[in-house]
Amino acid sequence: MNGKTTKKSAAKTSEQQTKGTSGKKQNNLTSKKKEKVHWYQKTGWILFWLFMFFPVGIVLTWRNKKWNKIVKTLFSGLFGFWFLILCVAAATPTPEKQLEEIILSLDSDQVYDINNPVDIVVETNPEDYHIPKSAFEITGGELDFKDDKITFTSSVDGEFDISVEYSDVMSNTLTLKFEDKEAIAQAQIAAEQAEQERIAAEQAEQERIAAEQARIAAEQAEQERIAAEQARIAAEQAEQERVAAEQARIAQEQAQIAAEQARIAQEQNQQTAPIEAMVWLSATGSKYHNKPNCGNMNPNNARQVTLSEAQRYTDGPCKNCYR
């Protein structure tokens, strides 16, 4: 009994080992099969290529072993029809739209400097309508077409017209005015300098005139001062003459008073003493005379004295009067 039981258990154990070994082999084979699935065998990538590029997609579809023939045929017909539609659409030319309007415009409205590019904006209806270079007409300057950008430049000053005529459609006309701003600025600077020089010259001339007027005024003031000084001197001289005349008058009056007093005294003496002879004395002479108008004597300045008084104060008698 024990021997049979032992044999049976050993047989079961070997059988279980055999089954385990065969199960491991199957698992290894399954994992190897799973590892051999490439990216282009996946459903997502096959559909992607069917949409994007049908020939590659159709090849991958028929190489896919997971799909049966019905699915492969269905996808081939469906995406083949889709690919055919795309090819026909690509081959069919798109009808060109009719040009209706062309509008030219500038970034700003101003006077431009020579040799500086000016951007020209072209608008069409319909939009983005291609207009060739030959359709542009200009009266001067140069047009530059670069990277869908149109610029206009001119090396000389003046006004220039730009217009476009294409497909029997005429655009508006742009008028651009150019000037040599550097030359204008230099001319303006030169004009300002000339104006400043003119103003400075005028100021210098005004200062010269003012100085000349001041000099003339100073000369006139000096002349007036001299005239005033001369008038003062003349007044002083006149005053001196007046004083001298006054002194002479006073002296004459004093002489007359003295003469009158002498006469009175003489008369008084005559009353008490014998009558003495009378003679005449001039104002400046050193002789006595028997008449008041002898020679150059001024009878108005002559005075009469007694002979004895004349003999005391004079050098003697006049030879003309006493011969």
Protein backbone atom coordinates (compact mmCIF):
# COMPACT_ATOMS: atom_id res chain seq x y z
CA MET A 1 0.00 0.00 0.00
CA ASN A 2 2.68 2.42 0.99
CA GLY A 3 4.65 1.65 -2.11
CA LYS A 4 1.70 2.30 -4.40
CA THR A 5 0.88 5.52 -2.61
CA THR A 6 4.43 6.71 -2.97
CA LYS A 7 4.45 5.94 -6.69
CA LYS A 8 1.18 7.82 -7.22
CA SER A 9 2.40 10.92 -5.37
CA ALA A 10 5.65 10.88 -7.32
CA ALA A 11 3.72 10.65 -10.56
CA LYS A 12 1.52 13.61 -9.58
CA THR A 13 4.55 15.65 -8.65
CA SER A 14 6.25 15.00 -12.00
CA GLU A 15 3.02 15.80 -13.81
CA GLN A 16 2.69 19.10 -11.97
CA GLN A 17 6.29 19.93 -12.76
CA THR A 18 5.66 19.15 -16.42
CA LYS A 19 2.57 21.39 -16.49
CA GLY A 20 4.47 24.20 -14.76
CA THR A 21 7.28 24.02 -17.24
CA SER A 22 4.90 24.04 -20.22
CA GLY A 23 3.01 27.04 -18.70
CA LYS A 24 6.21 29.02 -18.31
CA LYS A 25 7.12 28.29 -21.93
CA GLN A 26 3.74 29.54 -23.12
CA ASN A 27 4.06 32.73 -21.06
CA ASN A 28 7.51 33.37 -22.47
CA LEU A 29 6.22 32.89 -26.01
CA THR A 30 3.31 35.31 -25.37
CA SER A 31 5.59 37.98 -23.93
CA LYS A 32 7.94 37.58 -26.92
CA LYS A 33 5.03 38.00 -29.28
CA LYS A 34 3.93 41.11 -27.41
CA GLU A 35 7.42 42.53 -27.56
CA LYS A 36 7.56 42.10 -31.40
CA VAL A 37 4.60 44.54 -32.06
CA HIS A 38 6.13 47.63 -33.85
CA TRP A 39 4.83 51.24 -33.81
CA TYR A 40 3.66 51.12 -37.42
CA GLN A 41 1.56 48.05 -36.54
CA LYS A 42 -0.54 50.00 -34.08
CA THR A 43 -4.05 51.05 -35.11
CA GLY A 44 -3.54 54.76 -34.35
CA TRP A 45 -0.51 55.06 -36.60
CA ILE A 46 -2.22 53.16 -39.43
CA LEU A 47 -5.22 55.53 -39.30
CA PHE A 48 -2.86 58.51 -39.17
CA TRP A 49 -1.08 57.45 -42.38
CA LEU A 50 -4.40 56.62 -44.06
CA PHE A 51 -5.43 60.23 -43.45
CA MET A 52 -2.12 61.93 -44.16
CA PHE A 53 -0.61 59.80 -46.95
CA PHE A 54 -2.86 57.09 -48.32
CA PRO A 55 -0.23 54.87 -50.08
CA VAL A 56 1.74 54.33 -46.85
CA GLY A 57 -1.47 53.80 -44.90
CA ILE A 58 -2.82 51.18 -47.33
CA VAL A 59 0.46 49.23 -47.13
CA LEU A 60 0.38 49.24 -43.32
CA THR A 61 -3.34 48.25 -43.38
CA TRP A 62 -2.72 45.08 -45.39
CA ARG A 63 0.36 44.19 -43.32
CA ASN A 64 -1.67 44.37 -40.12
CA LYS A 65 -2.44 40.76 -39.10
CA LYS A 66 -4.96 41.73 -36.42
CA TRP A 67 -7.52 42.99 -38.94
CA ASN A 68 -9.49 40.60 -41.12
CA LYS A 69 -9.96 41.07 -44.84
CA ILE A 70 -13.39 42.70 -44.50
CA VAL A 71 -11.99 45.46 -42.28
CA LYS A 72 -8.96 45.91 -44.53
CA THR A 73 -11.17 46.11 -47.63
CA LEU A 74 -13.54 48.58 -45.94
CA PHE A 75 -10.68 50.87 -44.84
CA SER A 76 -9.01 50.58 -48.25
CA GLY A 77 -12.18 51.58 -50.11
CA LEU A 78 -13.15 54.36 -47.70
CA PHE A 79 -9.74 56.03 -47.48
CA GLY A 80 -9.04 55.36 -51.15
CA PHE A 81 -12.16 57.32 -52.03
CA TRP A 82 -11.02 60.08 -49.61
CA PHE A 83 -7.57 60.17 -51.22
CA LEU A 84 -9.14 60.35 -54.69
CA ILE A 85 -11.25 63.34 -53.67
CA LEU A 86 -8.15 65.13 -52.33
CA CYS A 87 -6.25 64.45 -55.54
CA VAL A 88 -9.08 65.75 -57.70
CA ALA A 89 -9.45 68.84 -55.50
CA ALA A 90 -5.72 69.51 -55.69
CA ALA A 91 -5.66 69.10 -59.45
CA THR A 92 -8.67 71.32 -60.07
CA PRO A 93 -7.50 74.97 -60.53
CA THR A 94 -9.13 77.58 -58.29
CA PRO A 95 -10.90 80.26 -60.33
CA GLU A 96 -9.22 83.67 -59.87
CA LYS A 97 -11.37 86.39 -58.34
CA GLN A 98 -12.11 89.52 -60.32
CA LEU A 99 -10.16 92.64 -59.21
CA GLU A 100 -12.58 95.40 -58.19
CA GLU A 101 -10.60 98.14 -56.43
CA ILE A 102 -7.02 99.31 -55.77
CA ILE A 103 -6.29 101.82 -53.01
CA LEU A 104 -2.87 103.39 -52.40
CA SER A 105 -2.09 105.07 -49.08
CA LEU A 106 0.83 106.35 -47.02
CA ASP A 107 1.77 105.94 -43.40
CA SER A 108 1.66 109.71 -42.94
CA ASP A 109 0.93 112.88 -44.86
CA GLN A 110 4.03 115.05 -44.78
CA VAL A 111 6.97 116.39 -46.74
CA TYR A 112 9.62 113.69 -47.00
CA ASP A 113 13.38 113.91 -46.99
CA ILE A 114 15.33 112.88 -50.06
CA ASN A 115 17.05 109.48 -50.01
CA ASN A 116 14.73 108.27 -47.19
CA PRO A 117 12.38 105.41 -48.15
CA VAL A 118 8.63 105.94 -47.79
CA ASP A 119 6.33 102.94 -47.24
CA ILE A 120 3.51 102.60 -49.77
CA VAL A 121 0.44 100.65 -48.62
CA VAL A 122 -1.52 98.83 -51.35
CA GLU A 123 -5.04 97.58 -50.55
CA THR A 124 -7.10 95.57 -53.00
CA ASN A 125 -10.61 94.25 -53.22
CA PRO A 126 -10.56 91.26 -52.98
CA GLU A 127 -7.78 91.25 -50.38
CA ASP A 128 -4.26 89.97 -51.09
CA TYR A 129 -4.75 90.30 -54.82
CA HIS A 130 -1.38 90.04 -56.56
CA ILE A 131 -0.47 93.11 -58.58
CA PRO A 132 2.69 92.93 -60.70
CA LYS A 133 5.42 95.55 -60.58
CA SER A 134 4.72 96.59 -64.16
CA ALA A 135 1.30 97.89 -63.12
CA PHE A 136 2.84 100.71 -61.06
CA GLU A 137 3.34 104.09 -62.71
CA ILE A 138 5.59 106.85 -61.22
CA THR A 139 6.59 110.29 -62.48
CA GLY A 140 10.02 110.13 -60.86
CA GLY A 141 12.00 108.51 -58.08
CA GLU A 142 12.26 104.74 -57.57
CA LEU A 143 9.99 101.97 -56.28
CA ASP A 144 11.48 99.05 -54.37
CA PHE A 145 9.61 95.75 -53.98
CA LYS A 146 11.01 93.56 -51.21
CA ASP A 147 9.36 90.99 -48.91
CA ASP A 148 5.83 92.11 -49.86
CA LYS A 149 6.81 95.66 -48.90
CA ILE A 150 6.79 98.59 -51.31
CA THR A 151 8.93 101.66 -50.67
CA PHE A 152 9.49 104.83 -52.69
CA THR A 153 12.66 106.94 -52.63
CA SER A 154 13.90 110.01 -54.48
CA SER A 155 17.36 111.53 -54.64
CA VAL A 156 16.10 114.95 -55.75
CA ASP A 157 13.48 117.29 -54.34
CA GLY A 158 10.11 117.80 -56.00
CA GLU A 159 6.63 116.29 -56.23
CA PHE A 160 6.08 112.79 -57.64
CA ASP A 161 2.89 110.88 -58.50
CA ILE A 162 2.31 107.15 -57.94
CA SER A 163 -0.63 105.21 -59.40
CA VAL A 164 -1.56 101.64 -60.38
CA GLU A 165 -3.52 100.38 -63.38
CA TYR A 166 -4.21 96.67 -63.64
CA SER A 167 -7.07 94.58 -65.07
CA ASP A 168 -8.85 97.74 -66.21
CA VAL A 169 -8.89 99.00 -62.61
CA MET A 170 -7.31 102.38 -61.89
CA SER A 171 -6.13 103.25 -58.39
CA ASN A 172 -6.05 106.64 -56.74
CA THR A 173 -2.99 108.82 -57.33
CA LEU A 174 -0.57 109.51 -54.50
CA THR A 175 1.43 112.74 -54.61
CA LEU A 176 4.65 112.67 -52.58
CA LYS A 177 6.60 115.84 -51.93
CA PHE A 178 10.33 115.53 -51.28
CA GLU A 179 12.83 118.15 -50.20
CA ASP A 180 16.49 118.22 -49.25
CA LYS A 181 15.95 118.85 -45.55
CA GLU A 182 19.66 118.92 -44.81
CA ALA A 183 20.23 121.63 -47.42
CA ILE A 184 17.16 123.50 -46.16
CA ALA A 185 18.43 123.22 -42.58
CA GLN A 186 21.86 124.50 -43.64
CA ALA A 187 20.25 127.35 -45.57
CA GLN A 188 18.11 128.16 -42.58
CA ILE A 189 21.16 128.13 -40.32
CA ALA A 190 22.99 130.38 -42.78
CA ALA A 191 19.96 132.71 -42.92
CA GLU A 192 19.78 132.78 -39.13
CA GLN A 193 23.50 133.53 -38.92
CA ALA A 194 23.11 136.29 -41.54
CA GLU A 195 20.15 137.67 -39.62
CA GLN A 196 22.14 137.59 -36.39
CA GLU A 197 25.04 139.32 -38.13
CA ARG A 198 22.64 141.92 -39.55
CA ILE A 199 21.12 142.50 -36.10
CA ALA A 200 24.60 142.72 -34.57
CA ALA A 201 25.65 145.20 -37.29
CA GLU A 202 22.50 147.24 -36.68
CA GLN A 203 23.14 147.20 -32.96
CA ALA A 204 26.76 148.22 -33.53
CA GLU A 205 25.59 151.02 -35.85
CA GLN A 206 23.01 152.13 -33.29
CA GLU A 207 25.68 152.10 -30.60
CA ARG A 208 28.00 154.08 -32.89
CA ILE A 209 25.21 156.59 -33.59
CA ALA A 210 24.41 156.78 -29.87
CA ALA A 211 28.11 157.32 -29.10
CA GLU A 212 28.31 159.97 -31.83
CA GLN A 213 25.18 161.66 -30.48
CA ALA A 214 26.62 161.49 -26.97
CA ARG A 215 29.86 163.02 -28.26
CA ILE A 216 27.94 165.78 -30.05
CA ALA A 217 25.82 166.34 -26.93
CA ALA A 218 29.00 166.48 -24.85
CA GLU A 219 30.50 168.97 -27.30
CA GLN A 220 27.32 171.02 -27.21
CA ALA A 221 27.30 170.87 -23.42
CA GLU A 222 30.96 171.92 -23.42
CA GLN A 223 30.17 174.75 -25.81
CA GLU A 224 27.25 175.78 -23.63
CA ARG A 225 29.53 175.60 -20.59
CA ILE A 226 32.13 177.70 -22.39
CA ALA A 227 29.43 180.14 -23.48
CA ALA A 228 28.11 180.25 -19.92
CA GLU A 229 31.64 180.75 -18.66
CA GLN A 230 32.20 183.50 -21.21
CA ALA A 231 28.87 185.04 -20.25
CA ARG A 232 29.87 184.82 -16.60
CA ILE A 233 33.24 186.42 -17.37
CA ALA A 234 31.50 189.07 -19.46
CA ALA A 235 29.05 189.62 -16.64
CA GLU A 236 31.93 189.87 -14.21
CA GLN A 237 33.68 192.26 -16.53
CA ALA A 238 30.49 194.27 -16.92
CA GLU A 239 30.09 194.22 -13.18
CA GLN A 240 33.69 195.32 -12.79
CA GLU A 241 33.09 198.07 -15.32
CA ARG A 242 29.91 199.03 -13.53
CA VAL A 243 31.78 199.02 -10.24
CA ALA A 244 34.57 201.06 -11.82
CA ALA A 245 32.04 203.46 -13.29
CA GLU A 246 30.30 203.61 -9.95
CA GLN A 247 33.61 204.24 -8.24
CA ALA A 248 34.43 206.89 -10.84
CA ARG A 249 31.03 208.43 -10.30
CA ILE A 250 31.53 208.34 -6.58
CA ALA A 251 35.02 209.79 -6.95
CA GLN A 252 33.66 212.48 -9.23
CA GLU A 253 30.90 213.21 -6.79
CA GLN A 254 33.45 213.27 -4.02
CA ALA A 255 35.64 215.58 -6.11
CA GLN A 256 32.68 217.77 -6.84
CA ILE A 257 31.78 217.77 -3.18
CA ALA A 258 35.38 218.56 -2.30
CA ALA A 259 35.46 221.27 -4.94
CA GLU A 260 32.19 222.59 -3.65
CA GLN A 261 33.54 222.48 -0.15
CA ALA A 262 36.75 224.16 -1.30
CA ARG A 263 34.71 226.76 -3.12
CA ILE A 264 32.64 227.37 -0.08
CA ALA A 265 35.75 227.54 2.04
CA GLN A 266 37.36 229.84 -0.51
CA GLU A 267 34.36 232.06 -0.50
CA GLN A 268 34.47 232.09 3.21
CA ASN A 269 38.17 232.89 3.11
CA GLN A 270 37.55 235.53 0.55
CA GLN A 271 35.19 237.19 2.87
CA THR A 272 37.78 237.26 5.63
CA ALA A 273 41.04 237.40 3.61
CA PRO A 274 42.30 238.97 0.46
CA ILE A 275 41.08 237.29 -2.74
CA GLU A 276 43.62 234.70 -4.06
CA ALA A 277 43.94 233.71 -7.68
CA MET A 278 42.20 230.42 -8.73
CA VAL A 279 43.64 227.80 -11.11
CA TRP A 280 42.43 224.48 -12.62
CA LEU A 281 43.73 220.96 -12.01
CA SER A 282 43.12 217.99 -14.31
CA ALA A 283 42.15 214.52 -12.96
CA THR A 284 45.53 213.01 -13.81
CA GLY A 285 47.89 215.89 -14.70
CA SER A 286 50.77 217.27 -12.61
CA LYS A 287 50.43 220.93 -13.79
CA TYR A 288 47.87 223.56 -12.99
CA HIS A 289 46.02 225.54 -15.67
CA ASN A 290 44.27 228.84 -15.97
CA LYS A 291 41.33 227.26 -17.89
CA PRO A 292 39.49 223.92 -17.50
CA ASN A 293 39.77 222.92 -21.18
CA CYS A 294 43.44 223.29 -21.86
CA GLY A 295 44.79 220.73 -24.27
CA ASN A 296 43.36 217.25 -23.63
CA MET A 297 41.80 218.18 -20.33
CA ASN A 298 38.28 216.97 -19.66
CA PRO A 299 36.45 219.97 -18.24
CA ASN A 300 34.01 217.63 -16.54
CA ASN A 301 36.81 216.10 -14.50
CA ALA A 302 38.72 219.37 -13.85
CA ARG A 303 38.58 221.00 -10.48
CA GLN A 304 39.41 224.54 -9.38
CA VAL A 305 41.80 225.27 -6.51
CA THR A 306 43.69 228.27 -5.21
CA LEU A 307 47.03 229.18 -6.68
CA SER A 308 48.83 228.60 -3.43
CA GLU A 309 47.27 225.13 -3.08
CA ALA A 310 48.19 224.28 -6.66
CA GLN A 311 51.73 225.37 -6.13
CA ARG A 312 52.00 223.02 -3.11
CA TYR A 313 50.66 219.89 -4.84
CA THR A 314 51.76 220.28 -8.50
CA ASP A 315 54.96 220.66 -10.46
CA GLY A 316 54.12 224.15 -11.62
CA PRO A 317 52.09 225.97 -14.20
CA CYS A 318 51.17 224.67 -17.63
CA LYS A 319 53.49 226.08 -20.28
CA ASN A 320 50.58 226.50 -22.71
CA CYS A 321 48.54 228.52 -20.33
CA TYR A 322 51.32 230.61 -18.82
CA ARG A 323 53.66 231.68 -21.61
